[in-house]
Amino acid sequence: GTRLNDRSVSTFDQRHVINGTFIYDLPFGHDRRFGSHMWKPLNFVAGGWTVTGIYRRSSGFPYVPVLADANQLGDLTHTARPDVTAGVPLINPLYSSSCPIGAGCQSYINPAAFSRPALGQLGNAPRTLDGARGPWDQFFDASVQKTFKVGEKRRVQFRVDALNAFNHP
């Protein structure tokens, strides 16, 4: 391997990041479309709620291939890189998004695409593999909240947040 292989895309490079947000005031309670003359105890419980959400979808980060040892290169730790096997796809053709992680699941990166260089040698793999980015991520964060008036000038907010509400791995 050469120092030219150190020139690569950043390890935190993401090509695509899509964000969307919404805020929706539920139409029930005083000063809302339905129940503007609602009985006060019922308005206290059912009126004035707001629902918010944030949806994020982003492309994966580039893969960083490293050996688990220094390949007898001295004090290097997790910086010695493997050789890339020519003609073998970097993304594992057996990977399935229905089984992304866990026992019995295939890895996203194809282990057959890499081999150990000769002892004491640096591998030919670049610092990061732009052609082997991780799978797309998606997250949906949701929040339900209600603000209570306390006197003329103060408010207290009750809020429940669900981060990654649908538990996408």
N, C-alpha and C. Protein backbone atom coordinates (compact mmCIF):
# COMPACT_ATOMS: atom_id res chain seq x y z
N GLY A 1 0.83 -1.18 0.00
CA GLY A 1 0.00 0.00 0.00
C GLY A 1 0.87 1.25 0.00
N THR A 2 0.33 2.32 -0.46
CA THR A 2 1.07 3.58 -0.52
C THR A 2 0.32 4.65 0.25
N ARG A 3 1.01 5.77 0.44
CA ARG A 3 0.39 6.91 1.11
C ARG A 3 -0.75 7.49 0.26
N LEU A 4 -0.74 7.23 -1.06
CA LEU A 4 -1.82 7.71 -1.92
C LEU A 4 -3.17 7.14 -1.48
N ASN A 5 -3.16 5.95 -0.88
CA ASN A 5 -4.41 5.35 -0.40
C ASN A 5 -4.97 6.07 0.82
N ASP A 6 -4.16 6.95 1.45
CA ASP A 6 -4.66 7.73 2.58
C ASP A 6 -5.57 8.86 2.11
N ARG A 7 -5.48 9.24 0.85
CA ARG A 7 -6.32 10.31 0.32
C ARG A 7 -7.67 9.70 -0.07
N SER A 8 -8.72 10.13 0.64
CA SER A 8 -10.02 9.50 0.46
C SER A 8 -11.10 10.43 0.99
N VAL A 9 -12.35 10.04 0.81
CA VAL A 9 -13.45 10.83 1.38
C VAL A 9 -13.39 10.73 2.90
N SER A 10 -13.97 11.71 3.56
CA SER A 10 -13.97 11.76 5.01
C SER A 10 -14.76 10.59 5.60
N THR A 11 -14.38 10.17 6.77
CA THR A 11 -15.10 9.07 7.43
C THR A 11 -16.50 9.47 7.84
N PHE A 12 -16.80 10.75 7.96
CA PHE A 12 -18.15 11.19 8.32
C PHE A 12 -18.90 11.82 7.14
N ASP A 13 -18.47 11.53 5.93
CA ASP A 13 -19.12 12.05 4.73
C ASP A 13 -20.46 11.34 4.51
N GLN A 14 -21.51 12.13 4.35
CA GLN A 14 -22.82 11.60 3.98
C GLN A 14 -23.28 12.37 2.74
N ARG A 15 -23.55 11.65 1.67
CA ARG A 15 -23.92 12.30 0.42
C ARG A 15 -25.32 12.89 0.47
N HIS A 16 -26.23 12.21 1.13
CA HIS A 16 -27.63 12.64 1.12
C HIS A 16 -28.17 12.65 2.54
N VAL A 17 -28.76 13.78 2.94
CA VAL A 17 -29.42 13.90 4.23
C VAL A 17 -30.74 14.63 3.98
N ILE A 18 -31.83 13.98 4.32
CA ILE A 18 -33.16 14.54 4.11
C ILE A 18 -33.84 14.66 5.47
N ASN A 19 -34.35 15.84 5.79
CA ASN A 19 -35.05 16.08 7.05
C ASN A 19 -36.42 16.67 6.75
N GLY A 20 -37.40 16.27 7.53
CA GLY A 20 -38.73 16.85 7.43
C GLY A 20 -39.33 16.97 8.82
N THR A 21 -40.03 18.04 9.08
CA THR A 21 -40.65 18.24 10.39
C THR A 21 -42.10 18.65 10.22
N PHE A 22 -42.90 18.41 11.25
CA PHE A 22 -44.25 18.94 11.27
C PHE A 22 -44.65 19.27 12.70
N ILE A 23 -45.57 20.20 12.82
CA ILE A 23 -46.18 20.58 14.09
C ILE A 23 -47.68 20.67 13.82
N TYR A 24 -48.48 19.96 14.61
CA TYR A 24 -49.92 19.97 14.39
C TYR A 24 -50.62 20.17 15.73
N ASP A 25 -51.36 21.26 15.84
CA ASP A 25 -52.19 21.51 17.02
C ASP A 25 -53.49 20.76 16.82
N LEU A 26 -53.77 19.79 17.70
CA LEU A 26 -55.03 19.06 17.60
C LEU A 26 -56.18 20.05 17.78
N PRO A 27 -57.26 19.87 17.02
CA PRO A 27 -58.31 20.90 16.98
C PRO A 27 -59.33 20.82 18.11
N PHE A 28 -58.94 20.36 19.29
CA PHE A 28 -59.88 20.21 20.40
C PHE A 28 -59.51 21.12 21.55
N GLY A 29 -60.51 21.79 22.14
CA GLY A 29 -60.28 22.59 23.33
C GLY A 29 -60.57 24.06 23.11
N HIS A 30 -60.40 24.83 24.17
CA HIS A 30 -60.60 26.28 24.10
C HIS A 30 -59.69 26.88 23.04
N ASP A 31 -60.17 27.82 22.30
CA ASP A 31 -59.44 28.49 21.23
C ASP A 31 -59.05 27.54 20.10
N ARG A 32 -59.77 26.44 19.95
CA ARG A 32 -59.55 25.51 18.86
C ARG A 32 -60.86 25.32 18.10
N ARG A 33 -60.81 24.59 17.00
CA ARG A 33 -61.97 24.44 16.12
C ARG A 33 -63.13 23.71 16.79
N PHE A 34 -62.82 22.61 17.50
CA PHE A 34 -63.86 21.83 18.17
C PHE A 34 -63.73 21.98 19.68
N GLY A 35 -64.84 22.17 20.33
CA GLY A 35 -64.86 22.24 21.79
C GLY A 35 -64.42 23.57 22.36
N SER A 36 -64.67 24.65 21.62
CA SER A 36 -64.25 25.96 22.12
C SER A 36 -64.99 26.34 23.40
N HIS A 37 -66.15 25.71 23.64
CA HIS A 37 -66.91 25.96 24.88
C HIS A 37 -66.92 24.70 25.74
N MET A 38 -65.86 23.95 25.67
CA MET A 38 -65.74 22.68 26.40
C MET A 38 -65.76 22.93 27.91
N TRP A 39 -66.36 21.99 28.64
CA TRP A 39 -66.38 22.02 30.10
C TRP A 39 -64.94 22.05 30.60
N LYS A 40 -64.61 22.94 31.53
CA LYS A 40 -63.22 23.18 31.95
C LYS A 40 -62.46 21.91 32.36
N PRO A 41 -63.03 21.03 33.19
CA PRO A 41 -62.28 19.81 33.53
C PRO A 41 -61.98 18.93 32.31
N LEU A 42 -62.93 18.87 31.35
CA LEU A 42 -62.70 18.08 30.14
C LEU A 42 -61.64 18.76 29.27
N ASN A 43 -61.67 20.08 29.18
CA ASN A 43 -60.65 20.81 28.42
C ASN A 43 -59.26 20.61 29.03
N PHE A 44 -59.21 20.54 30.36
CA PHE A 44 -57.94 20.33 31.06
C PHE A 44 -57.29 19.01 30.62
N VAL A 45 -58.11 17.98 30.39
CA VAL A 45 -57.59 16.67 30.01
C VAL A 45 -57.46 16.52 28.50
N ALA A 46 -58.46 16.94 27.74
CA ALA A 46 -58.52 16.62 26.31
C ALA A 46 -58.17 17.77 25.39
N GLY A 47 -58.16 18.98 25.86
CA GLY A 47 -57.94 20.11 24.97
C GLY A 47 -56.51 20.61 24.95
N GLY A 48 -56.15 21.25 23.85
CA GLY A 48 -54.88 21.96 23.77
C GLY A 48 -53.65 21.11 23.51
N TRP A 49 -53.80 19.92 22.94
CA TRP A 49 -52.66 19.04 22.67
C TRP A 49 -52.01 19.39 21.33
N THR A 50 -50.70 19.17 21.24
CA THR A 50 -49.94 19.39 20.02
C THR A 50 -49.12 18.13 19.74
N VAL A 51 -49.05 17.75 18.46
CA VAL A 51 -48.26 16.61 18.02
C VAL A 51 -47.18 17.13 17.08
N THR A 52 -45.94 16.68 17.30
CA THR A 52 -44.84 17.09 16.42
C THR A 52 -44.05 15.86 15.99
N GLY A 53 -43.35 15.99 14.89
CA GLY A 53 -42.53 14.88 14.42
C GLY A 53 -41.37 15.37 13.58
N ILE A 54 -40.31 14.60 13.59
CA ILE A 54 -39.12 14.85 12.77
C ILE A 54 -38.78 13.54 12.07
N TYR A 55 -38.69 13.60 10.74
CA TYR A 55 -38.30 12.43 9.95
C TYR A 55 -36.93 12.72 9.35
N ARG A 56 -36.00 11.79 9.54
CA ARG A 56 -34.65 11.93 8.99
C ARG A 56 -34.31 10.69 8.19
N ARG A 57 -33.78 10.92 7.02
CA ARG A 57 -33.30 9.82 6.17
C ARG A 57 -31.95 10.25 5.64
N SER A 58 -30.96 9.37 5.74
CA SER A 58 -29.62 9.75 5.30
C SER A 58 -28.88 8.55 4.74
N SER A 59 -28.04 8.85 3.75
CA SER A 59 -27.22 7.80 3.17
C SER A 59 -26.12 7.41 4.17
N GLY A 60 -25.57 6.25 3.97
CA GLY A 60 -24.59 5.72 4.91
C GLY A 60 -23.22 6.36 4.80
N PHE A 61 -22.42 6.10 5.81
CA PHE A 61 -21.04 6.57 5.85
C PHE A 61 -20.16 5.61 5.05
N PRO A 62 -19.03 6.09 4.54
CA PRO A 62 -18.12 5.18 3.84
C PRO A 62 -17.51 4.16 4.82
N TYR A 63 -17.24 3.00 4.32
CA TYR A 63 -16.67 1.92 5.12
C TYR A 63 -15.19 2.17 5.34
N VAL A 64 -14.72 1.89 6.55
CA VAL A 64 -13.31 2.06 6.90
C VAL A 64 -12.73 0.66 7.15
N PRO A 65 -11.99 0.12 6.17
CA PRO A 65 -11.44 -1.22 6.35
C PRO A 65 -10.15 -1.19 7.17
N VAL A 66 -10.10 -1.98 8.22
CA VAL A 66 -8.89 -2.08 9.05
C VAL A 66 -8.69 -3.53 9.47
N LEU A 67 -7.47 -3.86 9.76
CA LEU A 67 -7.16 -5.17 10.32
C LEU A 67 -7.31 -5.09 11.83
N ALA A 68 -7.60 -6.19 12.46
CA ALA A 68 -7.77 -6.21 13.91
C ALA A 68 -6.43 -6.15 14.64
N ASP A 69 -5.34 -6.26 13.91
CA ASP A 69 -4.01 -6.20 14.52
C ASP A 69 -3.13 -5.29 13.67
N ALA A 70 -1.87 -5.15 14.05
CA ALA A 70 -0.95 -4.23 13.35
C ALA A 70 -0.21 -4.90 12.19
N ASN A 71 -0.49 -6.17 11.92
CA ASN A 71 0.17 -6.92 10.84
C ASN A 71 1.69 -6.83 10.96
N GLN A 72 2.20 -6.87 12.19
CA GLN A 72 3.63 -6.80 12.51
C GLN A 72 4.30 -5.55 11.94
N LEU A 73 3.57 -4.42 11.97
CA LEU A 73 4.12 -3.16 11.48
C LEU A 73 4.56 -2.24 12.62
N GLY A 74 4.69 -2.76 13.81
CA GLY A 74 5.15 -1.94 14.93
C GLY A 74 4.01 -1.52 15.84
N ASP A 75 3.95 -0.23 16.14
CA ASP A 75 3.00 0.28 17.12
C ASP A 75 1.62 0.62 16.55
N LEU A 76 1.38 0.34 15.30
CA LEU A 76 0.09 0.67 14.69
C LEU A 76 -1.01 -0.16 15.35
N THR A 77 -2.13 0.46 15.61
CA THR A 77 -3.28 -0.25 16.14
C THR A 77 -4.50 0.17 15.33
N HIS A 78 -5.14 -0.75 14.69
CA HIS A 78 -6.34 -0.50 13.88
C HIS A 78 -6.12 0.55 12.79
N THR A 79 -4.90 0.67 12.30
CA THR A 79 -4.64 1.55 11.17
C THR A 79 -4.06 0.77 10.00
N ALA A 80 -3.66 -0.47 10.23
CA ALA A 80 -3.18 -1.31 9.13
C ALA A 80 -4.40 -1.78 8.34
N ARG A 81 -4.34 -1.64 7.03
CA ARG A 81 -5.49 -1.95 6.20
C ARG A 81 -5.27 -3.23 5.40
N PRO A 82 -6.36 -3.90 5.03
CA PRO A 82 -6.24 -5.13 4.24
C PRO A 82 -6.03 -4.83 2.76
N ASP A 83 -5.84 -5.87 2.00
CA ASP A 83 -5.84 -5.77 0.54
C ASP A 83 -7.28 -5.91 0.06
N VAL A 84 -7.62 -5.17 -0.99
CA VAL A 84 -8.94 -5.31 -1.63
C VAL A 84 -8.79 -6.33 -2.74
N THR A 85 -9.67 -7.32 -2.75
CA THR A 85 -9.63 -8.38 -3.75
C THR A 85 -10.33 -7.88 -5.02
N ALA A 86 -9.60 -7.82 -6.10
CA ALA A 86 -10.14 -7.31 -7.37
C ALA A 86 -11.27 -8.21 -7.88
N GLY A 87 -12.31 -7.59 -8.42
CA GLY A 87 -13.42 -8.32 -9.03
C GLY A 87 -14.46 -8.85 -8.08
N VAL A 88 -14.28 -8.64 -6.77
CA VAL A 88 -15.26 -9.11 -5.78
C VAL A 88 -16.06 -7.90 -5.31
N PRO A 89 -17.40 -7.99 -5.30
CA PRO A 89 -18.20 -6.83 -4.88
C PRO A 89 -17.97 -6.48 -3.41
N LEU A 90 -17.90 -5.17 -3.12
CA LEU A 90 -17.68 -4.72 -1.75
C LEU A 90 -18.93 -4.91 -0.89
N ILE A 91 -20.12 -4.71 -1.49
CA ILE A 91 -21.36 -4.94 -0.76
C ILE A 91 -21.71 -6.43 -0.88
N ASN A 92 -22.01 -7.06 0.23
CA ASN A 92 -22.29 -8.49 0.28
C ASN A 92 -23.56 -8.82 -0.50
N PRO A 93 -23.49 -9.62 -1.55
CA PRO A 93 -24.70 -9.96 -2.31
C PRO A 93 -25.70 -10.78 -1.50
N LEU A 94 -25.27 -11.38 -0.39
CA LEU A 94 -26.16 -12.17 0.47
C LEU A 94 -26.84 -11.34 1.56
N TYR A 95 -26.48 -10.04 1.68
CA TYR A 95 -27.06 -9.19 2.70
C TYR A 95 -28.55 -8.98 2.41
N SER A 96 -29.36 -8.96 3.45
CA SER A 96 -30.79 -8.71 3.31
C SER A 96 -31.20 -7.64 4.31
N SER A 97 -31.91 -6.62 3.84
CA SER A 97 -32.36 -5.56 4.75
C SER A 97 -33.43 -6.07 5.71
N SER A 98 -34.04 -7.22 5.43
CA SER A 98 -35.01 -7.79 6.38
C SER A 98 -34.31 -8.46 7.55
N CYS A 99 -33.00 -8.68 7.45
CA CYS A 99 -32.19 -9.23 8.54
C CYS A 99 -30.92 -8.40 8.62
N PRO A 100 -31.04 -7.13 9.09
CA PRO A 100 -29.88 -6.24 9.03
C PRO A 100 -28.75 -6.57 10.00
N ILE A 101 -29.09 -7.02 11.21
CA ILE A 101 -28.06 -7.32 12.21
C ILE A 101 -28.49 -8.50 13.06
N GLY A 102 -27.54 -9.17 13.66
CA GLY A 102 -27.86 -10.25 14.59
C GLY A 102 -27.37 -11.60 14.10
N ALA A 103 -27.57 -12.60 14.96
CA ALA A 103 -27.15 -13.96 14.65
C ALA A 103 -27.91 -14.47 13.44
N GLY A 104 -27.22 -15.11 12.53
CA GLY A 104 -27.85 -15.66 11.34
C GLY A 104 -27.99 -14.66 10.20
N CYS A 105 -27.64 -13.40 10.41
CA CYS A 105 -27.73 -12.37 9.36
C CYS A 105 -26.38 -12.24 8.67
N GLN A 106 -26.41 -11.93 7.39
CA GLN A 106 -25.18 -11.69 6.63
C GLN A 106 -24.72 -10.25 6.85
N SER A 107 -23.41 -10.04 6.88
CA SER A 107 -22.88 -8.68 7.05
C SER A 107 -23.13 -7.86 5.79
N TYR A 108 -23.23 -6.56 5.94
CA TYR A 108 -23.47 -5.65 4.82
C TYR A 108 -22.26 -5.59 3.89
N ILE A 109 -21.07 -5.52 4.49
CA ILE A 109 -19.84 -5.50 3.72
C ILE A 109 -19.41 -6.94 3.44
N ASN A 110 -18.97 -7.19 2.23
CA ASN A 110 -18.59 -8.53 1.81
C ASN A 110 -17.21 -8.89 2.35
N PRO A 111 -17.11 -9.82 3.29
CA PRO A 111 -15.79 -10.18 3.82
C PRO A 111 -14.87 -10.80 2.77
N ALA A 112 -15.45 -11.39 1.72
CA ALA A 112 -14.63 -12.00 0.66
C ALA A 112 -13.93 -10.95 -0.19
N ALA A 113 -14.30 -9.67 -0.04
CA ALA A 113 -13.68 -8.61 -0.83
C ALA A 113 -12.34 -8.17 -0.26
N PHE A 114 -11.93 -8.77 0.86
CA PHE A 114 -10.69 -8.35 1.51
C PHE A 114 -9.82 -9.56 1.84
N SER A 115 -8.52 -9.33 1.85
CA SER A 115 -7.59 -10.38 2.26
C SER A 115 -6.45 -9.73 3.05
N ARG A 116 -5.77 -10.55 3.82
CA ARG A 116 -4.65 -10.07 4.64
C ARG A 116 -3.42 -9.87 3.75
N PRO A 117 -2.78 -8.72 3.84
CA PRO A 117 -1.53 -8.54 3.09
C PRO A 117 -0.41 -9.38 3.73
N ALA A 118 0.69 -9.49 3.03
CA ALA A 118 1.83 -10.23 3.59
C ALA A 118 2.23 -9.59 4.91
N LEU A 119 2.70 -10.41 5.84
CA LEU A 119 3.10 -9.90 7.16
C LEU A 119 4.12 -8.78 7.00
N GLY A 120 3.91 -7.71 7.74
CA GLY A 120 4.80 -6.57 7.69
C GLY A 120 4.51 -5.60 6.56
N GLN A 121 3.47 -5.85 5.79
CA GLN A 121 3.12 -5.00 4.65
C GLN A 121 1.81 -4.26 4.91
N LEU A 122 1.70 -3.05 4.34
CA LEU A 122 0.43 -2.33 4.35
C LEU A 122 -0.44 -2.87 3.22
N GLY A 123 -1.74 -2.94 3.44
CA GLY A 123 -2.64 -3.39 2.39
C GLY A 123 -2.91 -2.29 1.37
N ASN A 124 -3.55 -2.63 0.27
CA ASN A 124 -3.82 -1.66 -0.78
C ASN A 124 -5.18 -0.97 -0.64
N ALA A 125 -5.91 -1.28 0.41
CA ALA A 125 -7.22 -0.65 0.61
C ALA A 125 -7.05 0.83 0.94
N PRO A 126 -7.91 1.68 0.39
CA PRO A 126 -7.85 3.09 0.75
C PRO A 126 -8.32 3.29 2.19
N ARG A 127 -8.10 4.50 2.72
CA ARG A 127 -8.49 4.81 4.10
C ARG A 127 -9.99 4.62 4.31
N THR A 128 -10.79 5.08 3.35
CA THR A 128 -12.24 4.84 3.38
C THR A 128 -12.66 4.37 1.99
N LEU A 129 -13.67 3.52 1.95
CA LEU A 129 -14.17 2.98 0.69
C LEU A 129 -15.45 3.72 0.30
N ASP A 130 -15.33 4.63 -0.66
CA ASP A 130 -16.48 5.40 -1.11
C ASP A 130 -17.52 4.50 -1.77
N GLY A 131 -17.08 3.42 -2.40
CA GLY A 131 -18.00 2.51 -3.07
C GLY A 131 -18.68 1.53 -2.14
N ALA A 132 -18.35 1.57 -0.87
CA ALA A 132 -18.96 0.67 0.11
C ALA A 132 -19.47 1.48 1.28
N ARG A 133 -20.53 2.21 1.02
CA ARG A 133 -21.14 3.01 2.08
C ARG A 133 -22.16 2.16 2.82
N GLY A 134 -22.35 2.48 4.07
CA GLY A 134 -23.34 1.77 4.87
C GLY A 134 -24.74 1.98 4.30
N PRO A 135 -25.70 1.16 4.74
CA PRO A 135 -27.07 1.32 4.26
C PRO A 135 -27.68 2.64 4.72
N TRP A 136 -28.73 3.06 4.06
CA TRP A 136 -29.44 4.28 4.43
C TRP A 136 -30.03 4.12 5.83
N ASP A 137 -30.02 5.22 6.57
CA ASP A 137 -30.65 5.26 7.90
C ASP A 137 -31.96 6.02 7.79
N GLN A 138 -32.91 5.65 8.63
CA GLN A 138 -34.13 6.44 8.74
C GLN A 138 -34.60 6.44 10.18
N PHE A 139 -35.02 7.60 10.63
CA PHE A 139 -35.48 7.78 12.00
C PHE A 139 -36.73 8.63 12.00
N PHE A 140 -37.64 8.33 12.89
CA PHE A 140 -38.81 9.18 13.09
C PHE A 140 -38.92 9.46 14.58
N ASP A 141 -38.77 10.72 14.95
CA ASP A 141 -38.92 11.14 16.34
C ASP A 141 -40.28 11.82 16.47
N ALA A 142 -41.04 11.45 17.48
CA ALA A 142 -42.39 12.00 17.68
C ALA A 142 -42.49 12.61 19.07
N SER A 143 -43.40 13.56 19.20
CA SER A 143 -43.62 14.21 20.48
C SER A 143 -45.10 14.58 20.60
N VAL A 144 -45.63 14.40 21.79
CA VAL A 144 -46.99 14.82 22.13
C VAL A 144 -46.84 15.73 23.33
N GLN A 145 -47.47 16.90 23.26
CA GLN A 145 -47.28 17.87 24.34
C GLN A 145 -48.54 18.68 24.60
N LYS A 146 -48.64 19.16 25.81
CA LYS A 146 -49.74 20.02 26.22
C LYS A 146 -49.17 21.08 27.14
N THR A 147 -49.58 22.31 26.90
CA THR A 147 -49.14 23.43 27.73
C THR A 147 -50.28 23.88 28.62
N PHE A 148 -49.98 24.00 29.90
CA PHE A 148 -50.97 24.44 30.88
C PHE A 148 -50.63 25.86 31.31
N LYS A 149 -51.64 26.72 31.38
CA LYS A 149 -51.42 28.07 31.88
C LYS A 149 -51.43 28.03 33.40
N VAL A 150 -50.46 28.71 33.99
CA VAL A 150 -50.37 28.84 35.44
C VAL A 150 -50.36 30.34 35.72
N GLY A 151 -51.52 30.85 36.04
CA GLY A 151 -51.62 32.30 36.23
C GLY A 151 -51.65 33.01 34.89
N GLU A 152 -51.32 34.29 34.91
CA GLU A 152 -51.37 35.11 33.70
C GLU A 152 -50.10 35.01 32.84
N LYS A 153 -48.95 34.84 33.49
CA LYS A 153 -47.68 34.93 32.76
C LYS A 153 -46.92 33.62 32.64
N ARG A 154 -47.29 32.60 33.36
CA ARG A 154 -46.49 31.37 33.39
C ARG A 154 -47.21 30.21 32.72
N ARG A 155 -46.40 29.31 32.20
CA ARG A 155 -46.92 28.11 31.56
C ARG A 155 -46.05 26.91 31.97
N VAL A 156 -46.68 25.76 32.03
CA VAL A 156 -45.99 24.50 32.31
C VAL A 156 -46.33 23.56 31.15
N GLN A 157 -45.33 22.88 30.64
CA GLN A 157 -45.57 21.98 29.51
C GLN A 157 -45.37 20.53 29.93
N PHE A 158 -46.37 19.70 29.62
CA PHE A 158 -46.26 18.25 29.76
C PHE A 158 -45.89 17.72 28.38
N ARG A 159 -44.88 16.86 28.32
CA ARG A 159 -44.39 16.43 27.01
C ARG A 159 -43.90 14.99 27.08
N VAL A 160 -44.21 14.23 26.05
CA VAL A 160 -43.72 12.86 25.91
C VAL A 160 -43.03 12.77 24.55
N ASP A 161 -41.76 12.38 24.55
CA ASP A 161 -40.97 12.26 23.32
C ASP A 161 -40.66 10.79 23.07
N ALA A 162 -40.72 10.41 21.81
CA ALA A 162 -40.33 9.05 21.39
C ALA A 162 -39.25 9.20 20.33
N LEU A 163 -38.00 8.96 20.72
CA LEU A 163 -36.88 9.05 19.78
C LEU A 163 -36.77 7.72 19.04
N ASN A 164 -36.62 7.79 17.72
CA ASN A 164 -36.62 6.61 16.86
C ASN A 164 -37.85 5.76 17.17
N ALA A 165 -39.01 6.39 17.05
CA ALA A 165 -40.29 5.80 17.49
C ALA A 165 -40.58 4.44 16.87
N PHE A 166 -40.16 4.20 15.63
CA PHE A 166 -40.44 2.92 14.98
C PHE A 166 -39.27 1.94 15.09
N ASN A 167 -38.25 2.31 15.87
CA ASN A 167 -37.12 1.44 16.18
C ASN A 167 -36.42 0.91 14.93
N HIS A 168 -36.11 1.81 13.99
CA HIS A 168 -35.37 1.40 12.81
C HIS A 168 -33.90 1.17 13.18
N PRO A 169 -33.35 0.00 12.86
CA PRO A 169 -31.95 -0.24 13.20
C PRO A 169 -31.02 0.59 12.32
